[in-house]
C-alpha atoms as a PDB file:
ATOM      1  CA  MET A   1      33.202 -32.060 -56.341  1.00  0.00           C
ATOM      2  CA  GLU A   2      32.246 -31.594 -52.632  1.00  0.00           C
ATOM      3  CA  LEU A   3      33.543 -32.906 -49.839  1.00  0.00           C
ATOM      4  CA  GLU A   4      32.551 -32.685 -46.005  1.00  0.00           C
ATOM      5  CA  GLY A   5      34.787 -33.672 -43.950  1.00  0.00           C
ATOM      6  CA  LYS A   6      36.328 -33.754 -39.855  1.00  0.00           C
ATOM      7  CA  VAL A   7      38.817 -31.448 -38.355  1.00  0.00           C
ATOM      8  CA  LEU A   8      41.621 -33.602 -37.332  1.00  0.00           C
ATOM      9  CA  ARG A   9      44.827 -32.455 -35.327  1.00  0.00           C
ATOM     10  CA  GLY A  10      47.918 -33.343 -37.190  1.00  0.00           C
ATOM     11  CA  PHE A  11      51.699 -34.676 -36.443  1.00  0.00           C
ATOM     12  CA  GLY A  12      52.778 -31.749 -36.896  1.00  0.00           C
ATOM     13  CA  VAL A  13      54.927 -32.517 -40.268  1.00  0.00           C
ATOM     14  CA  GLY A  14      53.231 -30.186 -42.884  1.00  0.00           C
ATOM     15  CA  ALA A  15      54.994 -27.511 -41.676  1.00  0.00           C
ATOM     16  CA  LYS A  16      57.791 -28.671 -41.888  1.00  0.00           C
ATOM     17  CA  TYR A  17      57.244 -29.242 -45.143  1.00  0.00           C
ATOM     18  CA  VAL A  18      55.461 -26.699 -46.387  1.00  0.00           C
ATOM     19  CA  ALA A  19      58.451 -24.512 -44.803  1.00  0.00           C
ATOM     20  CA  MET A  20      61.397 -26.910 -46.794  1.00  0.00           C
ATOM     21  CA  PRO A  21      62.044 -24.490 -49.553  1.00  0.00           C
ATOM     22  CA  PRO A  22      61.727 -26.338 -52.484  1.00  0.00           C
ATOM     23  CA  TYR A  23      57.683 -27.660 -51.229  1.00  0.00           C
ATOM     24  CA  ASN A  24      57.176 -23.731 -50.127  1.00  0.00           C
ATOM     25  CA  ILE A  25      58.399 -22.200 -54.041  1.00  0.00           C
ATOM     26  CA  LEU A  26      56.339 -24.628 -55.195  1.00  0.00           C
ATOM     27  CA  LEU A  27      53.622 -24.101 -53.315  1.00  0.00           C
ATOM     28  CA  ALA A  28      53.765 -20.246 -53.656  1.00  0.00           C
ATOM     29  CA  GLU A  29      53.575 -20.789 -57.358  1.00  0.00           C
ATOM     30  CA  LEU A  30      50.576 -23.090 -57.202  1.00  0.00           C
ATOM     31  CA  ILE A  31      48.172 -20.657 -55.194  1.00  0.00           C
ATOM     32  CA  ASP A  32      50.096 -17.767 -56.120  1.00  0.00           C
ATOM     33  CA  GLU A  33      50.838 -16.381 -52.483  1.00  0.00           C
ATOM     34  CA  GLU A  34      52.986 -17.510 -49.755  1.00  0.00           C
ATOM     35  CA  PRO A  35      51.648 -20.617 -47.595  1.00  0.00           C
ATOM     36  CA  TYR A  36      50.867 -20.925 -44.115  1.00  0.00           C
ATOM     37  CA  PRO A  37      54.012 -22.998 -43.079  1.00  0.00           C
ATOM     38  CA  GLY A  38      51.445 -26.021 -41.839  1.00  0.00           C
ATOM     39  CA  THR A  39      47.818 -27.514 -43.618  1.00  0.00           C
ATOM     40  CA  LEU A  40      44.685 -28.148 -42.229  1.00  0.00           C
ATOM     41  CA  ASN A  41      43.922 -32.234 -42.077  1.00  0.00           C
ATOM     42  CA  VAL A  42      40.521 -32.824 -43.049  1.00  0.00           C
ATOM     43  CA  GLU A  43      39.027 -37.152 -42.512  1.00  0.00           C
ATOM     44  CA  VAL A  44      36.800 -37.662 -45.525  1.00  0.00           C
ATOM     45  CA  SER A  45      34.328 -40.903 -46.063  1.00  0.00           C
ATOM     46  CA  GLU A  46      36.126 -42.585 -48.611  1.00  0.00           C
ATOM     47  CA  SER A  47      40.392 -42.904 -49.407  1.00  0.00           C
ATOM     48  CA  TYR A  48      42.003 -40.952 -51.163  1.00  0.00           C
ATOM     49  CA  GLU A  49      42.361 -43.334 -54.407  1.00  0.00           C
ATOM     50  CA  ASP A  50      38.671 -43.257 -54.475  1.00  0.00           C
ATOM     51  CA  LEU A  51      38.616 -39.393 -54.523  1.00  0.00           C
ATOM     52  CA  ILE A  52      41.020 -40.012 -57.477  1.00  0.00           C
ATOM     53  CA  LYS A  53      39.017 -42.278 -59.360  1.00  0.00           C
ATOM     54  CA  ARG A  54      36.103 -40.204 -59.026  1.00  0.00           C
ATOM     55  CA  CYS A  55      38.189 -36.859 -59.763  1.00  0.00           C
ATOM     56  CA  THR A  56      41.265 -36.863 -61.520  1.00  0.00           C
ATOM     57  CA  PRO A  57      44.406 -34.871 -59.569  1.00  0.00           C
ATOM     58  CA  SER A  58      47.259 -32.726 -60.707  1.00  0.00           C
ATOM     59  CA  SER A  59      51.015 -34.519 -59.229  1.00  0.00           C
ATOM     60  CA  ILE A  60      53.637 -33.786 -58.619  1.00  0.00           C
ATOM     61  CA  ARG A  61      56.296 -36.448 -58.442  1.00  0.00           C
ATOM     62  CA  SER A  62      58.564 -37.257 -55.924  1.00  0.00           C
ATOM     63  CA  VAL A  63      62.151 -36.950 -56.491  1.00  0.00           C
ATOM     64  CA  VAL A  64      65.445 -37.376 -54.667  1.00  0.00           C
ATOM     65  CA  VAL A  65      67.706 -34.056 -54.462  1.00  0.00           C
ATOM     66  CA  ASN A  66      70.861 -34.500 -52.639  1.00  0.00           C
ATOM     67  CA  GLY A  67      70.924 -38.056 -51.686  1.00  0.00           C
ATOM     68  CA  ALA A  68      66.786 -37.736 -50.029  1.00  0.00           C
ATOM     69  CA  GLU A  69      63.862 -38.361 -51.344  1.00  0.00           C
ATOM     70  CA  ARG A  70      61.197 -35.390 -51.233  1.00  0.00           C
ATOM     71  CA  GLY A  71      57.801 -37.062 -51.563  1.00  0.00           C
ATOM     72  CA  GLY A  72      55.885 -35.673 -54.107  1.00  0.00           C
ATOM     73  CA  PHE A  73      52.224 -35.372 -53.761  1.00  0.00           C
ATOM     74  CA  TYR A  74      48.676 -35.212 -55.890  1.00  0.00           C
ATOM     75  CA  TYR A  75      46.648 -32.282 -55.461  1.00  0.00           C
ATOM     76  CA  TRP A  76      43.595 -30.178 -56.360  1.00  0.00           C
ATOM     77  CA  PHE A  77      42.165 -26.727 -56.630  1.00  0.00           C
ATOM     78  CA  GLY A  78      39.944 -25.728 -53.989  1.00  0.00           C
ATOM     79  CA  LYS A  79      38.033 -23.243 -52.355  1.00  0.00           C
ATOM     80  CA  LEU A  80      35.805 -23.111 -48.655  1.00  0.00           C
ATOM     81  CA  PRO A  81      32.727 -21.235 -47.807  1.00  0.00           C
ATOM     82  CA  GLY A  82      34.727 -19.305 -45.648  1.00  0.00           C
ATOM     83  CA  LEU A  83      36.842 -18.070 -48.240  1.00  0.00           C
ATOM     84  CA  PRO A  84      35.088 -17.293 -51.163  1.00  0.00           C
ATOM     85  CA  ASN A  85      37.619 -15.329 -53.141  1.00  0.00           C
ATOM     86  CA  GLU A  86      40.710 -17.790 -52.351  1.00  0.00           C
ATOM     87  CA  TRP A  87      42.112 -20.452 -53.842  1.00  0.00           C
ATOM     88  CA  VAL A  88      43.897 -23.368 -51.261  1.00  0.00           C
ATOM     89  CA  LEU A  89      44.905 -26.631 -52.487  1.00  0.00           C
ATOM     90  CA  VAL A  90      43.873 -30.113 -51.472  1.00  0.00           C
ATOM     91  CA  ILE A  91      46.676 -32.521 -51.305  1.00  0.00           C
ATOM     92  CA  ARG A  92      47.770 -35.896 -50.157  1.00  0.00           C
ATOM     93  CA  PRO A  93      51.310 -36.572 -50.231  1.00  0.00           C
ATOM     94  CA  HIS A  94      53.137 -39.443 -51.607  1.00  0.00           C
ATOM     95  CA  LEU A  95      54.455 -40.410 -48.260  1.00  0.00           C
ATOM     96  CA  SER A  96      51.550 -39.383 -45.915  1.00  0.00           C
ATOM     97  CA  ARG A  97      51.479 -41.175 -42.793  1.00  0.00           C
ATOM     98  CA  HIS A  98      48.215 -40.308 -42.239  1.00  0.00           C
ATOM     99  CA  ASN A  99      45.193 -42.819 -42.967  1.00  0.00           C
ATOM    100  CA  PRO A 100      44.194 -43.564 -46.541  1.00  0.00           C
ATOM    101  CA  ASN A 101      40.729 -41.021 -46.037  1.00  0.00           C
ATOM    102  CA  VAL A 102      42.566 -38.530 -44.535  1.00  0.00           C
ATOM    103  CA  ILE A 103      43.442 -35.037 -47.079  1.00  0.00           C
ATOM    104  CA  GLU A 104      45.789 -31.969 -46.019  1.00  0.00           C
ATOM    105  CA  VAL A 105      44.619 -28.282 -47.135  1.00  0.00           C
ATOM    106  CA  ILE A 106      46.870 -25.738 -47.778  1.00  0.00           C
ATOM    107  CA  SER A 107      45.972 -21.635 -48.019  1.00  0.00           C
ATOM    108  CA  SER A 108      47.951 -18.617 -47.591  1.00  0.00           C
ATOM    109  CA  GLU A 109      45.992 -18.287 -43.932  1.00  0.00           C
ATOM    110  CA  ASN A 110      46.034 -20.049 -40.637  1.00  0.00           C
ATOM    111  CA  LEU A 111      42.285 -21.790 -41.679  1.00  0.00           C
ATOM    112  CA  ARG A 112      42.246 -23.047 -38.452  1.00  0.00           C
ATOM    113  CA  GLU A 113      41.716 -19.558 -36.867  1.00  0.00           C
ATOM    114  CA  LYS A 114      40.056 -17.751 -39.989  1.00  0.00           C
ATOM    115  CA  LEU A 115      37.208 -19.944 -39.803  1.00  0.00           C
ATOM    116  CA  ASN A 116      37.331 -20.683 -35.613  1.00  0.00           C
ATOM    117  CA  LEU A 117      37.706 -24.568 -36.607  1.00  0.00           C
ATOM    118  CA  ASN A 118      38.924 -27.575 -33.912  1.00  0.00           C
ATOM    119  CA  ASP A 119      39.491 -30.722 -33.714  1.00  0.00           C
ATOM    120  CA  GLY A 120      36.232 -31.856 -34.803  1.00  0.00           C
ATOM    121  CA  ALA A 121      35.021 -29.619 -36.187  1.00  0.00           C
ATOM    122  CA  TRP A 122      32.950 -30.003 -39.955  1.00  0.00           C
ATOM    123  CA  VAL A 123      34.133 -28.579 -42.926  1.00  0.00           C
ATOM    124  CA  ARG A 124      32.632 -28.349 -46.314  1.00  0.00           C
ATOM    125  CA  LEU A 125      35.265 -27.981 -49.538  1.00  0.00           C
ATOM    126  CA  LYS A 126      34.932 -27.345 -53.331  1.00  0.00           C
ATOM    127  CA  VAL A 127      37.244 -29.759 -55.247  1.00  0.00           C
ATOM    128  CA  TYR A 128      38.164 -28.982 -58.970  1.00  0.00           C
ATOM    129  CA  CYS A 129      39.164 -32.076 -60.859  1.00  0.00           C
ATOM    130  CA  GLY A 130      42.164 -31.831 -64.034  1.00  0.00           C
ATOM    131  CA  ASN A 131      43.736 -28.838 -63.951  1.00  0.00           C
ATOM    132  CA  LEU A 132      42.196 -24.950 -64.224  1.00  0.00           C
END
């Protein structure tokens, strides 16, 4: 599935979660590299619920660790035109505060710097449905 969307400034929470040991270990396993501590927020034309209907994601369920809920997330593997040899994760956290049409992209790279993306820039993603 092809997605196109506009880069948005986030709340600064993605970096915190990507750096947390449980998430960091899991994300490193999924992308096979150490994830950059932050996410690229992309506003697309449809809600994540509609994306799920069109393209089945994988999912990590929420868990309680030491009395605190750790939110899970839906994820798809993806590719960006500027990084043809690198897989990225396209995610939608279960506990996200973003609007329903905002997804997040995780990579081992700082995607804003690597692809020279500013707020409002358009980005195209190729998203792969189901498990790879």
